[in-house]
Amino acid sequence: MWQRVQTLYLAISTVLIGVLFFSVKAAVYGADGAAVQEIRYVDYLPYLILLIVITLLNILALTTFKHRIFQMRTASLAALVTLALQVWLVVDFIMTHEEVVFKVTAIFPLLCVILDMLAARGILADQLLVESAYHLRKARRERRR
């Protein structure tokens, strides 16, 4: 399981999403430059629900390594939901005022999308390799008859 690079991609993606549960999305600064309020991801219920769904999808994709097709679809679905979260963050960034400053954790979903898609691509490559080996074995058996 851990010797496959796509498993590492999924694990890193899961950790990055898990970090968002405990981090600050943005900070509101006052006129004197001091932080007045910190906005966390878990403070807003739709963000919390998306984070939980993405985390569950990543964990599911991480643990279903024996079922490659399901794992690939789950990783792709996690990437799509994470992309929706990133788009929502970008819209929030565009719609906010100048005194709101987003933290670097706002790009974590984008990194997770990239990692999830790389993992799905690696899983697909593994599946194609297994299928081609099966077809070669089947052809060899037919030639021996």
N, C-alpha and C. Protein backbone atom coordinates (compact mmCIF):
# COMPACT_ATOMS: atom_id res chain seq x y z
N MET A 1 0.82 -1.19 0.00
CA MET A 1 0.00 0.00 0.00
C MET A 1 0.86 1.26 0.00
N TRP A 2 1.77 1.40 0.94
CA TRP A 2 2.53 2.64 1.05
C TRP A 2 3.64 2.75 0.02
N GLN A 3 3.94 1.66 -0.69
CA GLN A 3 4.99 1.75 -1.70
C GLN A 3 4.51 2.41 -2.98
N ARG A 4 3.21 2.62 -3.11
CA ARG A 4 2.67 3.28 -4.29
C ARG A 4 2.65 4.79 -4.05
N VAL A 5 3.09 5.54 -5.05
CA VAL A 5 3.20 6.98 -4.89
C VAL A 5 1.83 7.64 -4.76
N GLN A 6 0.80 7.04 -5.37
CA GLN A 6 -0.53 7.64 -5.27
C GLN A 6 -1.07 7.55 -3.84
N THR A 7 -0.64 6.56 -3.08
CA THR A 7 -1.04 6.48 -1.68
C THR A 7 -0.44 7.65 -0.90
N LEU A 8 0.78 7.99 -1.21
CA LEU A 8 1.40 9.14 -0.56
C LEU A 8 0.71 10.45 -0.95
N TYR A 9 0.32 10.56 -2.22
CA TYR A 9 -0.42 11.74 -2.65
C TYR A 9 -1.73 11.87 -1.87
N LEU A 10 -2.44 10.76 -1.73
CA LEU A 10 -3.71 10.79 -0.99
C LEU A 10 -3.49 11.10 0.48
N ALA A 11 -2.42 10.57 1.06
CA ALA A 11 -2.13 10.83 2.47
C ALA A 11 -1.78 12.30 2.70
N ILE A 12 -0.98 12.87 1.82
CA ILE A 12 -0.63 14.29 1.95
C ILE A 12 -1.86 15.16 1.78
N SER A 13 -2.70 14.81 0.82
CA SER A 13 -3.94 15.56 0.61
C SER A 13 -4.83 15.49 1.84
N THR A 14 -4.94 14.32 2.45
CA THR A 14 -5.76 14.16 3.65
C THR A 14 -5.21 15.00 4.79
N VAL A 15 -3.90 15.02 4.94
CA VAL A 15 -3.29 15.82 6.01
C VAL A 15 -3.52 17.31 5.78
N LEU A 16 -3.38 17.76 4.53
CA LEU A 16 -3.60 19.18 4.23
C LEU A 16 -5.05 19.60 4.53
N ILE A 17 -6.00 18.75 4.18
CA ILE A 17 -7.39 19.06 4.49
C ILE A 17 -7.62 19.00 6.00
N GLY A 18 -6.98 18.07 6.66
CA GLY A 18 -7.10 17.97 8.12
C GLY A 18 -6.55 19.20 8.83
N VAL A 19 -5.52 19.81 8.27
CA VAL A 19 -4.95 21.02 8.86
C VAL A 19 -5.96 22.17 8.82
N LEU A 20 -6.82 22.18 7.81
CA LEU A 20 -7.80 23.26 7.68
C LEU A 20 -8.81 23.27 8.82
N PHE A 21 -9.02 22.12 9.47
CA PHE A 21 -9.94 22.08 10.61
C PHE A 21 -9.44 22.95 11.77
N PHE A 22 -8.13 23.12 11.86
CA PHE A 22 -7.53 23.81 13.01
C PHE A 22 -6.90 25.15 12.65
N SER A 23 -7.03 25.58 11.42
CA SER A 23 -6.34 26.79 11.00
C SER A 23 -7.30 27.96 10.76
N VAL A 24 -6.71 29.10 10.58
CA VAL A 24 -7.46 30.34 10.37
C VAL A 24 -7.52 30.62 8.87
N LYS A 25 -8.73 30.94 8.39
CA LYS A 25 -8.91 31.24 6.97
C LYS A 25 -8.45 32.67 6.67
N ALA A 26 -8.88 33.61 7.50
CA ALA A 26 -8.57 35.01 7.25
C ALA A 26 -8.57 35.76 8.58
N ALA A 27 -8.01 36.93 8.54
CA ALA A 27 -8.02 37.80 9.71
C ALA A 27 -8.51 39.18 9.28
N VAL A 28 -9.30 39.78 10.15
CA VAL A 28 -9.81 41.12 9.92
C VAL A 28 -8.95 42.06 10.74
N TYR A 29 -8.38 43.05 10.06
CA TYR A 29 -7.50 44.01 10.73
C TYR A 29 -8.20 45.34 10.88
N GLY A 30 -7.93 45.99 11.98
CA GLY A 30 -8.50 47.30 12.26
C GLY A 30 -7.65 48.40 11.66
N ALA A 31 -8.01 49.64 11.97
CA ALA A 31 -7.31 50.80 11.43
C ALA A 31 -5.89 50.90 12.00
N ASP A 32 -5.68 50.41 13.21
CA ASP A 32 -4.36 50.48 13.82
C ASP A 32 -3.44 49.35 13.39
N GLY A 33 -3.92 48.43 12.57
CA GLY A 33 -3.10 47.33 12.07
C GLY A 33 -3.14 46.08 12.92
N ALA A 34 -3.87 46.11 14.01
CA ALA A 34 -3.97 44.94 14.88
C ALA A 34 -5.12 44.05 14.42
N ALA A 35 -4.93 42.75 14.60
CA ALA A 35 -5.97 41.80 14.21
C ALA A 35 -7.15 41.93 15.15
N VAL A 36 -8.31 42.24 14.60
CA VAL A 36 -9.52 42.40 15.40
C VAL A 36 -10.24 41.06 15.56
N GLN A 37 -10.29 40.29 14.48
CA GLN A 37 -11.02 39.04 14.49
C GLN A 37 -10.34 38.05 13.56
N GLU A 38 -10.32 36.78 13.97
CA GLU A 38 -9.82 35.72 13.12
C GLU A 38 -10.99 34.86 12.67
N ILE A 39 -11.04 34.59 11.37
CA ILE A 39 -12.12 33.77 10.80
C ILE A 39 -11.55 32.39 10.53
N ARG A 40 -12.15 31.37 11.15
CA ARG A 40 -11.70 29.99 10.99
C ARG A 40 -12.59 29.28 9.98
N TYR A 41 -12.06 28.22 9.39
CA TYR A 41 -12.84 27.44 8.43
C TYR A 41 -14.04 26.78 9.08
N VAL A 42 -13.87 26.32 10.31
CA VAL A 42 -14.95 25.57 10.98
C VAL A 42 -16.02 26.49 11.56
N ASP A 43 -15.82 27.80 11.52
CA ASP A 43 -16.83 28.73 12.01
C ASP A 43 -18.03 28.85 11.08
N TYR A 44 -17.82 28.57 9.81
CA TYR A 44 -18.87 28.69 8.81
C TYR A 44 -19.32 27.27 8.45
N LEU A 45 -20.57 26.94 8.72
CA LEU A 45 -21.08 25.57 8.60
C LEU A 45 -20.90 24.95 7.21
N PRO A 46 -21.17 25.65 6.10
CA PRO A 46 -20.94 25.01 4.79
C PRO A 46 -19.47 24.62 4.56
N TYR A 47 -18.54 25.44 5.02
CA TYR A 47 -17.13 25.07 4.92
C TYR A 47 -16.85 23.82 5.74
N LEU A 48 -17.40 23.77 6.94
CA LEU A 48 -17.21 22.61 7.81
C LEU A 48 -17.75 21.34 7.16
N ILE A 49 -18.92 21.42 6.57
CA ILE A 49 -19.52 20.25 5.92
C ILE A 49 -18.65 19.81 4.74
N LEU A 50 -18.19 20.76 3.94
CA LEU A 50 -17.32 20.42 2.81
C LEU A 50 -16.02 19.79 3.28
N LEU A 51 -15.44 20.33 4.34
CA LEU A 51 -14.19 19.77 4.87
C LEU A 51 -14.39 18.34 5.36
N ILE A 52 -15.51 18.09 6.03
CA ILE A 52 -15.79 16.73 6.51
C ILE A 52 -15.98 15.77 5.33
N VAL A 53 -16.73 16.19 4.31
CA VAL A 53 -16.96 15.34 3.14
C VAL A 53 -15.64 15.05 2.42
N ILE A 54 -14.82 16.07 2.25
CA ILE A 54 -13.54 15.89 1.56
C ILE A 54 -12.63 14.96 2.35
N THR A 55 -12.59 15.14 3.66
CA THR A 55 -11.76 14.28 4.50
C THR A 55 -12.23 12.83 4.42
N LEU A 56 -13.54 12.61 4.50
CA LEU A 56 -14.06 11.24 4.41
C LEU A 56 -13.77 10.62 3.04
N LEU A 57 -13.91 11.39 1.98
CA LEU A 57 -13.60 10.87 0.65
C LEU A 57 -12.12 10.51 0.51
N ASN A 58 -11.25 11.36 1.04
CA ASN A 58 -9.81 11.08 0.98
C ASN A 58 -9.45 9.84 1.79
N ILE A 59 -10.04 9.71 2.98
CA ILE A 59 -9.76 8.53 3.80
C ILE A 59 -10.29 7.28 3.11
N LEU A 60 -11.47 7.39 2.50
CA LEU A 60 -12.03 6.26 1.77
C LEU A 60 -11.15 5.87 0.60
N ALA A 61 -10.66 6.85 -0.13
CA ALA A 61 -9.76 6.57 -1.25
C ALA A 61 -8.43 5.99 -0.76
N LEU A 62 -8.00 6.42 0.38
CA LEU A 62 -6.74 5.95 0.94
C LEU A 62 -6.83 4.49 1.40
N THR A 63 -7.97 4.08 1.88
CA THR A 63 -8.10 2.75 2.47
C THR A 63 -8.65 1.69 1.51
N THR A 64 -9.11 2.07 0.34
CA THR A 64 -9.68 1.09 -0.60
C THR A 64 -8.69 0.77 -1.71
N PHE A 65 -7.45 0.49 -1.34
CA PHE A 65 -6.41 0.26 -2.34
C PHE A 65 -6.56 -1.06 -3.07
N LYS A 66 -7.38 -1.97 -2.56
CA LYS A 66 -7.58 -3.24 -3.26
C LYS A 66 -8.64 -3.13 -4.35
N HIS A 67 -9.40 -2.07 -4.35
CA HIS A 67 -10.44 -1.85 -5.36
C HIS A 67 -10.07 -0.58 -6.14
N ARG A 68 -9.23 -0.75 -7.14
CA ARG A 68 -8.62 0.39 -7.83
C ARG A 68 -9.63 1.30 -8.52
N ILE A 69 -10.62 0.73 -9.18
CA ILE A 69 -11.60 1.56 -9.89
C ILE A 69 -12.36 2.43 -8.90
N PHE A 70 -12.82 1.83 -7.81
CA PHE A 70 -13.53 2.59 -6.78
C PHE A 70 -12.62 3.64 -6.17
N GLN A 71 -11.36 3.28 -5.93
CA GLN A 71 -10.40 4.22 -5.36
C GLN A 71 -10.16 5.39 -6.30
N MET A 72 -10.05 5.11 -7.59
CA MET A 72 -9.84 6.18 -8.57
C MET A 72 -11.04 7.12 -8.63
N ARG A 73 -12.24 6.55 -8.62
CA ARG A 73 -13.44 7.38 -8.66
C ARG A 73 -13.59 8.21 -7.39
N THR A 74 -13.25 7.62 -6.26
CA THR A 74 -13.35 8.34 -5.00
C THR A 74 -12.33 9.49 -4.95
N ALA A 75 -11.13 9.25 -5.42
CA ALA A 75 -10.12 10.30 -5.46
C ALA A 75 -10.54 11.42 -6.41
N SER A 76 -11.13 11.06 -7.54
CA SER A 76 -11.61 12.07 -8.49
C SER A 76 -12.76 12.88 -7.90
N LEU A 77 -13.66 12.22 -7.21
CA LEU A 77 -14.77 12.92 -6.55
C LEU A 77 -14.26 13.85 -5.46
N ALA A 78 -13.27 13.40 -4.71
CA ALA A 78 -12.66 14.25 -3.68
C ALA A 78 -12.03 15.48 -4.32
N ALA A 79 -11.40 15.29 -5.47
CA ALA A 79 -10.79 16.43 -6.17
C ALA A 79 -11.86 17.42 -6.63
N LEU A 80 -12.98 16.92 -7.12
CA LEU A 80 -14.05 17.81 -7.58
C LEU A 80 -14.66 18.60 -6.41
N VAL A 81 -14.91 17.94 -5.31
CA VAL A 81 -15.49 18.63 -4.15
C VAL A 81 -14.47 19.64 -3.59
N THR A 82 -13.21 19.27 -3.59
CA THR A 82 -12.17 20.19 -3.13
C THR A 82 -12.04 21.39 -4.06
N LEU A 83 -12.19 21.15 -5.35
CA LEU A 83 -12.17 22.25 -6.31
C LEU A 83 -13.34 23.20 -6.06
N ALA A 84 -14.51 22.65 -5.72
CA ALA A 84 -15.65 23.51 -5.38
C ALA A 84 -15.34 24.36 -4.15
N LEU A 85 -14.69 23.77 -3.16
CA LEU A 85 -14.29 24.54 -1.98
C LEU A 85 -13.32 25.65 -2.35
N GLN A 86 -12.35 25.34 -3.22
CA GLN A 86 -11.38 26.35 -3.63
C GLN A 86 -12.05 27.48 -4.40
N VAL A 87 -12.99 27.16 -5.28
CA VAL A 87 -13.70 28.20 -6.02
C VAL A 87 -14.48 29.08 -5.05
N TRP A 88 -15.10 28.45 -4.06
CA TRP A 88 -15.84 29.22 -3.06
C TRP A 88 -14.91 30.15 -2.28
N LEU A 89 -13.71 29.68 -1.97
CA LEU A 89 -12.74 30.53 -1.28
C LEU A 89 -12.30 31.70 -2.16
N VAL A 90 -12.14 31.45 -3.45
CA VAL A 90 -11.77 32.53 -4.37
C VAL A 90 -12.88 33.57 -4.45
N VAL A 91 -14.13 33.11 -4.51
CA VAL A 91 -15.26 34.05 -4.53
C VAL A 91 -15.29 34.86 -3.24
N ASP A 92 -15.07 34.20 -2.11
CA ASP A 92 -15.01 34.93 -0.84
C ASP A 92 -13.88 35.96 -0.84
N PHE A 93 -12.74 35.58 -1.42
CA PHE A 93 -11.61 36.49 -1.49
C PHE A 93 -11.94 37.72 -2.34
N ILE A 94 -12.63 37.51 -3.45
CA ILE A 94 -12.97 38.62 -4.33
C ILE A 94 -14.02 39.53 -3.70
N MET A 95 -14.94 38.95 -2.95
CA MET A 95 -16.05 39.71 -2.39
C MET A 95 -15.73 40.43 -1.07
N THR A 96 -14.59 40.14 -0.46
CA THR A 96 -14.29 40.74 0.85
C THR A 96 -13.70 42.13 0.70
N HIS A 97 -13.63 42.80 1.83
CA HIS A 97 -13.09 44.16 1.87
C HIS A 97 -11.57 44.12 2.01
N GLU A 98 -10.97 45.28 1.93
CA GLU A 98 -9.52 45.38 1.99
C GLU A 98 -8.95 45.02 3.35
N GLU A 99 -9.73 45.18 4.41
CA GLU A 99 -9.20 44.92 5.75
C GLU A 99 -9.16 43.44 6.10
N VAL A 100 -9.72 42.58 5.24
CA VAL A 100 -9.67 41.13 5.46
C VAL A 100 -8.47 40.57 4.70
N VAL A 101 -7.62 39.85 5.44
CA VAL A 101 -6.42 39.28 4.83
C VAL A 101 -6.51 37.76 4.94
N PHE A 102 -6.45 37.09 3.80
CA PHE A 102 -6.52 35.64 3.78
C PHE A 102 -5.15 35.05 4.13
N LYS A 103 -5.14 33.94 4.81
CA LYS A 103 -3.90 33.27 5.19
C LYS A 103 -3.46 32.32 4.08
N VAL A 104 -2.26 31.78 4.20
CA VAL A 104 -1.70 30.89 3.18
C VAL A 104 -2.47 29.57 3.12
N THR A 105 -3.21 29.25 4.15
CA THR A 105 -3.98 28.00 4.14
C THR A 105 -5.11 28.04 3.11
N ALA A 106 -5.41 29.19 2.56
CA ALA A 106 -6.47 29.30 1.55
C ALA A 106 -6.08 28.60 0.25
N ILE A 107 -4.79 28.31 0.04
CA ILE A 107 -4.39 27.61 -1.18
C ILE A 107 -4.25 26.10 -0.94
N PHE A 108 -4.43 25.63 0.29
CA PHE A 108 -4.34 24.19 0.56
C PHE A 108 -5.33 23.37 -0.27
N PRO A 109 -6.58 23.83 -0.45
CA PRO A 109 -7.48 23.03 -1.29
C PRO A 109 -6.98 22.88 -2.72
N LEU A 110 -6.34 23.89 -3.26
CA LEU A 110 -5.79 23.79 -4.61
C LEU A 110 -4.70 22.73 -4.67
N LEU A 111 -3.84 22.71 -3.66
CA LEU A 111 -2.80 21.68 -3.60
C LEU A 111 -3.42 20.29 -3.48
N CYS A 112 -4.51 20.19 -2.72
CA CYS A 112 -5.20 18.90 -2.56
C CYS A 112 -5.83 18.44 -3.87
N VAL A 113 -6.36 19.36 -4.65
CA VAL A 113 -6.92 19.01 -5.96
C VAL A 113 -5.83 18.42 -6.84
N ILE A 114 -4.68 19.07 -6.86
CA ILE A 114 -3.56 18.58 -7.68
C ILE A 114 -3.12 17.20 -7.21
N LEU A 115 -2.98 17.03 -5.90
CA LEU A 115 -2.54 15.74 -5.36
C LEU A 115 -3.57 14.64 -5.62
N ASP A 116 -4.86 14.95 -5.47
CA ASP A 116 -5.90 13.96 -5.71
C ASP A 116 -5.93 13.55 -7.18
N MET A 117 -5.75 14.50 -8.08
CA MET A 117 -5.76 14.16 -9.51
C MET A 117 -4.52 13.35 -9.89
N LEU A 118 -3.38 13.68 -9.29
CA LEU A 118 -2.18 12.87 -9.53
C LEU A 118 -2.37 11.44 -9.01
N ALA A 119 -3.02 11.32 -7.87
CA ALA A 119 -3.30 10.00 -7.31
C ALA A 119 -4.25 9.22 -8.22
N ALA A 120 -5.30 9.87 -8.69
CA ALA A 120 -6.25 9.19 -9.60
C ALA A 120 -5.55 8.75 -10.87
N ARG A 121 -4.66 9.57 -11.37
CA ARG A 121 -3.91 9.21 -12.58
C ARG A 121 -3.00 8.01 -12.33
N GLY A 122 -2.35 7.99 -11.16
CA GLY A 122 -1.50 6.85 -10.82
C GLY A 122 -2.30 5.57 -10.62
N ILE A 123 -3.47 5.68 -10.02
CA ILE A 123 -4.33 4.52 -9.82
C ILE A 123 -4.80 3.98 -11.17
N LEU A 124 -5.15 4.88 -12.09
CA LEU A 124 -5.54 4.45 -13.43
C LEU A 124 -4.40 3.75 -14.13
N ALA A 125 -3.18 4.26 -13.99
CA ALA A 125 -2.02 3.61 -14.61
C ALA A 125 -1.81 2.21 -14.04
N ASP A 126 -1.98 2.06 -12.73
CA ASP A 126 -1.88 0.74 -12.11
C ASP A 126 -2.94 -0.21 -12.64
N GLN A 127 -4.15 0.27 -12.76
CA GLN A 127 -5.25 -0.57 -13.24
C GLN A 127 -5.00 -1.00 -14.69
N LEU A 128 -4.53 -0.09 -15.51
CA LEU A 128 -4.24 -0.45 -16.90
C LEU A 128 -3.10 -1.46 -16.98
N LEU A 129 -2.12 -1.35 -16.10
CA LEU A 129 -1.02 -2.30 -16.06
C LEU A 129 -1.52 -3.69 -15.65
N VAL A 130 -2.38 -3.74 -14.65
CA VAL A 130 -2.93 -5.02 -14.20
C VAL A 130 -3.78 -5.65 -15.31
N GLU A 131 -4.59 -4.85 -15.99
CA GLU A 131 -5.42 -5.39 -17.07
C GLU A 131 -4.58 -5.90 -18.24
N SER A 132 -3.51 -5.17 -18.58
CA SER A 132 -2.67 -5.63 -19.69
C SER A 132 -1.94 -6.91 -19.31
N ALA A 133 -1.50 -7.03 -18.07
CA ALA A 133 -0.86 -8.27 -17.63
C ALA A 133 -1.85 -9.43 -17.66
N TYR A 134 -3.09 -9.17 -17.30
CA TYR A 134 -4.12 -10.21 -17.35
C TYR A 134 -4.35 -10.67 -18.79
N HIS A 135 -4.41 -9.72 -19.71
CA HIS A 135 -4.63 -10.08 -21.11
C HIS A 135 -3.45 -10.86 -21.68
N LEU A 136 -2.23 -10.50 -21.26
CA LEU A 136 -1.05 -11.25 -21.72
C LEU A 136 -1.08 -12.68 -21.18
N ARG A 137 -1.43 -12.85 -19.92
CA ARG A 137 -1.52 -14.19 -19.35
C ARG A 137 -2.61 -15.00 -20.04
N LYS A 138 -3.72 -14.36 -20.33
CA LYS A 138 -4.83 -15.05 -20.99
C LYS A 138 -4.41 -15.48 -22.40
N ALA A 139 -3.72 -14.62 -23.11
CA ALA A 139 -3.25 -14.96 -24.46
C ALA A 139 -2.23 -16.08 -24.41
N ARG A 140 -1.35 -16.09 -23.43
CA ARG A 140 -0.35 -17.15 -23.29
C ARG A 140 -1.03 -18.49 -23.01
N ARG A 141 -2.06 -18.48 -22.16
CA ARG A 141 -2.78 -19.71 -21.86
C ARG A 141 -3.49 -20.26 -23.11
N GLU A 142 -4.04 -19.38 -23.92
CA GLU A 142 -4.74 -19.80 -25.13
C GLU A 142 -3.78 -20.37 -26.15
N ARG A 143 -2.56 -19.86 -26.23
CA ARG A 143 -1.57 -20.37 -27.17
C ARG A 143 -1.09 -21.77 -26.78
N ARG A 144 -1.06 -22.04 -25.49
CA ARG A 144 -0.60 -23.35 -25.02
C ARG A 144 -1.62 -24.45 -25.33
N ARG A 145 -2.83 -24.14 -25.54
CA ARG A 145 -3.87 -25.15 -25.80
C ARG A 145 -3.81 -25.65 -27.18
